[in-house]
Amino acid sequence: VGLVLVLNADSGGLCRDTDSLTQICGRAARNSKGKVVFYAEKDSDAMLQCITKSKERRRQQEEYNRARNLAPVSVPAAAARHQLGAN
């Protein structure tokens, strides 16, 4: 998934709590160029907590990558399917 749009991200509820928003962001983060866009009228606590958590995780990952001279790369879909045995 390269782009995820979250509509009404500031509304409360099951799919808009901190854990759900963080999980959504994590899904997009599996793609090296993945992006998440929150559409909202105001910043909710869940959104702010998710953004803070995501920034910290990204900082840690970048630090880890720098220390080991690693560069993130997305796996082409065909290669991923082949590895899973789904030719």
N, C-alpha and C. Protein backbone atom coordinates (compact mmCIF):
# COMPACT_ATOMS: atom_id res chain seq x y z
N VAL A 1 0.85 -1.17 0.00
CA VAL A 1 0.00 0.00 0.00
C VAL A 1 0.90 1.23 0.00
N GLY A 2 0.74 2.09 -0.99
CA GLY A 2 1.58 3.27 -1.08
C GLY A 2 0.96 4.51 -0.48
N LEU A 3 -0.37 4.60 -0.53
CA LEU A 3 -1.06 5.78 -0.01
C LEU A 3 -2.31 5.34 0.73
N VAL A 4 -2.48 5.84 1.95
CA VAL A 4 -3.68 5.57 2.74
C VAL A 4 -4.30 6.89 3.14
N LEU A 5 -5.58 7.05 2.86
CA LEU A 5 -6.32 8.25 3.25
C LEU A 5 -7.29 7.86 4.36
N VAL A 6 -7.26 8.60 5.46
CA VAL A 6 -8.17 8.34 6.57
C VAL A 6 -9.15 9.51 6.63
N LEU A 7 -10.38 9.25 6.23
CA LEU A 7 -11.41 10.29 6.25
C LEU A 7 -12.00 10.41 7.64
N ASN A 8 -12.40 11.61 8.01
CA ASN A 8 -12.97 11.87 9.34
C ASN A 8 -12.07 11.32 10.44
N ALA A 9 -10.78 11.55 10.31
CA ALA A 9 -9.82 10.99 11.26
C ALA A 9 -10.01 11.54 12.67
N ASP A 10 -10.69 12.67 12.80
CA ASP A 10 -10.88 13.25 14.12
C ASP A 10 -12.14 12.74 14.81
N SER A 11 -12.93 11.93 14.13
CA SER A 11 -14.13 11.40 14.78
C SER A 11 -13.74 10.24 15.69
N GLY A 12 -14.44 10.10 16.80
CA GLY A 12 -14.15 9.01 17.73
C GLY A 12 -14.69 7.70 17.19
N GLY A 13 -14.40 6.66 17.89
CA GLY A 13 -14.95 5.37 17.49
C GLY A 13 -13.89 4.31 17.34
N LEU A 14 -14.35 3.13 17.02
CA LEU A 14 -13.50 1.95 16.97
C LEU A 14 -12.33 2.09 16.00
N CYS A 15 -12.56 2.59 14.81
CA CYS A 15 -11.49 2.65 13.81
C CYS A 15 -10.73 3.97 13.82
N ARG A 16 -10.96 4.81 14.82
CA ARG A 16 -10.27 6.09 14.88
C ARG A 16 -9.54 6.29 16.20
N ASP A 17 -9.38 5.21 16.97
CA ASP A 17 -8.63 5.33 18.22
C ASP A 17 -7.14 5.26 17.91
N THR A 18 -6.32 5.53 18.91
CA THR A 18 -4.87 5.59 18.70
C THR A 18 -4.32 4.30 18.11
N ASP A 19 -4.73 3.16 18.67
CA ASP A 19 -4.20 1.88 18.19
C ASP A 19 -4.58 1.62 16.74
N SER A 20 -5.82 1.92 16.37
CA SER A 20 -6.27 1.69 14.99
C SER A 20 -5.53 2.60 14.02
N LEU A 21 -5.39 3.86 14.36
CA LEU A 21 -4.66 4.79 13.49
C LEU A 21 -3.19 4.38 13.36
N THR A 22 -2.60 3.92 14.45
CA THR A 22 -1.21 3.47 14.42
C THR A 22 -1.06 2.24 13.52
N GLN A 23 -2.02 1.33 13.60
CA GLN A 23 -1.99 0.14 12.76
C GLN A 23 -2.11 0.51 11.28
N ILE A 24 -2.98 1.47 10.99
CA ILE A 24 -3.14 1.95 9.61
C ILE A 24 -1.83 2.55 9.11
N CYS A 25 -1.19 3.36 9.94
CA CYS A 25 0.09 3.97 9.55
C CYS A 25 1.16 2.90 9.36
N GLY A 26 1.15 1.88 10.20
CA GLY A 26 2.12 0.81 10.09
C GLY A 26 2.00 0.05 8.78
N ARG A 27 0.77 -0.10 8.31
CA ARG A 27 0.54 -0.79 7.04
C ARG A 27 1.19 -0.01 5.89
N ALA A 28 1.00 1.30 5.90
CA ALA A 28 1.59 2.13 4.85
C ALA A 28 3.11 2.18 4.98
N ALA A 29 3.62 2.09 6.20
CA ALA A 29 5.06 2.19 6.44
C ALA A 29 5.82 0.99 5.88
N ARG A 30 5.12 -0.08 5.55
CA ARG A 30 5.79 -1.24 4.97
C ARG A 30 6.29 -0.96 3.55
N ASN A 31 5.76 0.09 2.95
CA ASN A 31 6.21 0.52 1.63
C ASN A 31 7.22 1.65 1.86
N SER A 32 8.38 1.59 1.22
CA SER A 32 9.41 2.60 1.48
C SER A 32 8.98 4.01 1.11
N LYS A 33 7.97 4.14 0.24
CA LYS A 33 7.46 5.46 -0.12
C LYS A 33 6.02 5.65 0.35
N GLY A 34 5.59 4.85 1.32
CA GLY A 34 4.22 4.90 1.81
C GLY A 34 3.89 6.22 2.50
N LYS A 35 2.66 6.65 2.34
CA LYS A 35 2.19 7.89 2.97
C LYS A 35 0.80 7.67 3.54
N VAL A 36 0.51 8.39 4.63
CA VAL A 36 -0.81 8.38 5.24
C VAL A 36 -1.27 9.83 5.34
N VAL A 37 -2.50 10.07 4.96
CA VAL A 37 -3.09 11.42 5.06
C VAL A 37 -4.32 11.33 5.94
N PHE A 38 -4.32 12.10 7.02
CA PHE A 38 -5.49 12.20 7.90
C PHE A 38 -6.31 13.41 7.47
N TYR A 39 -7.54 13.18 7.09
CA TYR A 39 -8.47 14.29 6.81
C TYR A 39 -9.30 14.52 8.04
N ALA A 40 -9.28 15.74 8.58
CA ALA A 40 -10.00 16.05 9.81
C ALA A 40 -10.24 17.55 9.92
N GLU A 41 -11.24 17.89 10.68
CA GLU A 41 -11.51 19.31 10.93
C GLU A 41 -10.65 19.85 12.07
N LYS A 42 -10.24 18.95 12.97
CA LYS A 42 -9.39 19.36 14.09
C LYS A 42 -8.49 18.18 14.45
N ASP A 43 -7.41 18.47 15.16
CA ASP A 43 -6.51 17.40 15.61
C ASP A 43 -7.14 16.71 16.82
N SER A 44 -7.31 15.40 16.74
CA SER A 44 -7.82 14.66 17.90
C SER A 44 -6.65 14.13 18.71
N ASP A 45 -6.90 13.76 19.96
CA ASP A 45 -5.85 13.19 20.80
C ASP A 45 -5.28 11.93 20.15
N ALA A 46 -6.16 11.10 19.59
CA ALA A 46 -5.71 9.85 18.96
C ALA A 46 -4.78 10.14 17.79
N MET A 47 -5.12 11.14 16.98
CA MET A 47 -4.27 11.50 15.85
C MET A 47 -2.90 11.98 16.33
N LEU A 48 -2.89 12.86 17.32
CA LEU A 48 -1.64 13.42 17.82
C LEU A 48 -0.76 12.34 18.44
N GLN A 49 -1.37 11.41 19.18
CA GLN A 49 -0.61 10.31 19.78
C GLN A 49 -0.04 9.41 18.70
N CYS A 50 -0.83 9.13 17.68
CA CYS A 50 -0.38 8.29 16.56
C CYS A 50 0.79 8.95 15.83
N ILE A 51 0.67 10.23 15.55
CA ILE A 51 1.73 10.96 14.85
C ILE A 51 3.01 10.97 15.68
N THR A 52 2.88 11.22 16.98
CA THR A 52 4.04 11.23 17.87
C THR A 52 4.72 9.86 17.89
N LYS A 53 3.91 8.81 18.03
CA LYS A 53 4.45 7.44 18.06
C LYS A 53 5.13 7.10 16.73
N SER A 54 4.51 7.49 15.62
CA SER A 54 5.07 7.20 14.30
C SER A 54 6.40 7.92 14.09
N LYS A 55 6.47 9.18 14.51
CA LYS A 55 7.72 9.95 14.36
C LYS A 55 8.84 9.31 15.18
N GLU A 56 8.51 8.86 16.39
CA GLU A 56 9.52 8.23 17.24
C GLU A 56 10.00 6.92 16.64
N ARG A 57 9.07 6.13 16.13
CA ARG A 57 9.45 4.87 15.49
C ARG A 57 10.31 5.11 14.25
N ARG A 58 9.96 6.12 13.48
CA ARG A 58 10.73 6.45 12.28
C ARG A 58 12.14 6.91 12.68
N ARG A 59 12.24 7.72 13.72
CA ARG A 59 13.54 8.18 14.20
C ARG A 59 14.40 6.99 14.60
N GLN A 60 13.81 6.05 15.35
CA GLN A 60 14.55 4.87 15.78
C GLN A 60 14.99 4.03 14.58
N GLN A 61 14.10 3.86 13.61
CA GLN A 61 14.44 3.05 12.43
C GLN A 61 15.55 3.70 11.61
N GLU A 62 15.46 5.02 11.44
CA GLU A 62 16.51 5.72 10.69
C GLU A 62 17.85 5.62 11.39
N GLU A 63 17.84 5.72 12.72
CA GLU A 63 19.06 5.59 13.50
C GLU A 63 19.65 4.18 13.34
N TYR A 64 18.80 3.17 13.42
CA TYR A 64 19.22 1.78 13.23
C TYR A 64 19.82 1.59 11.83
N ASN A 65 19.11 2.11 10.82
CA ASN A 65 19.59 1.98 9.43
C ASN A 65 20.94 2.67 9.23
N ARG A 66 21.08 3.87 9.79
CA ARG A 66 22.33 4.62 9.65
C ARG A 66 23.50 3.86 10.30
N ALA A 67 23.26 3.31 11.49
CA ALA A 67 24.31 2.60 12.21
C ALA A 67 24.77 1.35 11.45
N ARG A 68 23.89 0.78 10.63
CA ARG A 68 24.20 -0.45 9.91
C ARG A 68 24.35 -0.24 8.41
N ASN A 69 24.34 1.03 8.00
CA ASN A 69 24.49 1.39 6.59
C ASN A 69 23.44 0.68 5.71
N LEU A 70 22.18 0.74 6.15
CA LEU A 70 21.08 0.12 5.43
C LEU A 70 20.22 1.18 4.75
N ALA A 71 19.64 0.83 3.62
CA ALA A 71 18.71 1.71 2.91
C ALA A 71 17.40 0.94 2.69
N PRO A 72 16.26 1.52 3.08
CA PRO A 72 14.99 0.81 2.90
C PRO A 72 14.66 0.62 1.42
N VAL A 73 14.15 -0.56 1.09
CA VAL A 73 13.79 -0.90 -0.28
C VAL A 73 12.49 -1.69 -0.24
N SER A 74 11.56 -1.34 -1.10
CA SER A 74 10.33 -2.11 -1.20
C SER A 74 10.59 -3.36 -2.03
N VAL A 75 9.96 -4.45 -1.65
CA VAL A 75 10.10 -5.70 -2.39
C VAL A 75 9.07 -5.68 -3.51
N PRO A 76 9.49 -5.92 -4.76
CA PRO A 76 8.51 -5.97 -5.86
C PRO A 76 7.45 -7.04 -5.58
N ALA A 77 6.21 -6.76 -5.98
CA ALA A 77 5.08 -7.65 -5.70
C ALA A 77 5.31 -9.06 -6.22
N ALA A 78 5.88 -9.19 -7.41
CA ALA A 78 6.11 -10.52 -7.98
C ALA A 78 7.07 -11.32 -7.12
N ALA A 79 8.11 -10.69 -6.62
CA ALA A 79 9.09 -11.38 -5.77
C ALA A 79 8.44 -11.78 -4.45
N ALA A 80 7.62 -10.91 -3.89
CA ALA A 80 6.94 -11.22 -2.63
C ALA A 80 6.00 -12.41 -2.81
N ARG A 81 5.26 -12.45 -3.90
CA ARG A 81 4.35 -13.58 -4.16
C ARG A 81 5.13 -14.86 -4.34
N HIS A 82 6.27 -14.78 -5.03
CA HIS A 82 7.11 -15.96 -5.26
C HIS A 82 7.62 -16.53 -3.93
N GLN A 83 8.06 -15.64 -3.04
CA GLN A 83 8.56 -16.08 -1.75
C GLN A 83 7.47 -16.75 -0.93
N LEU A 84 6.25 -16.32 -1.10
CA LEU A 84 5.13 -16.90 -0.35
C LEU A 84 4.59 -18.16 -1.03
N GLY A 85 5.14 -18.50 -2.18
CA GLY A 85 4.71 -19.70 -2.88
C GLY A 85 3.41 -19.54 -3.62
N ALA A 86 3.06 -18.32 -3.98
CA ALA A 86 1.79 -18.04 -4.66
C ALA A 86 2.03 -17.68 -6.12
N ASN A 87 2.89 -18.43 -6.80
CA ASN A 87 3.22 -18.11 -8.21
C ASN A 87 1.98 -17.89 -8.96
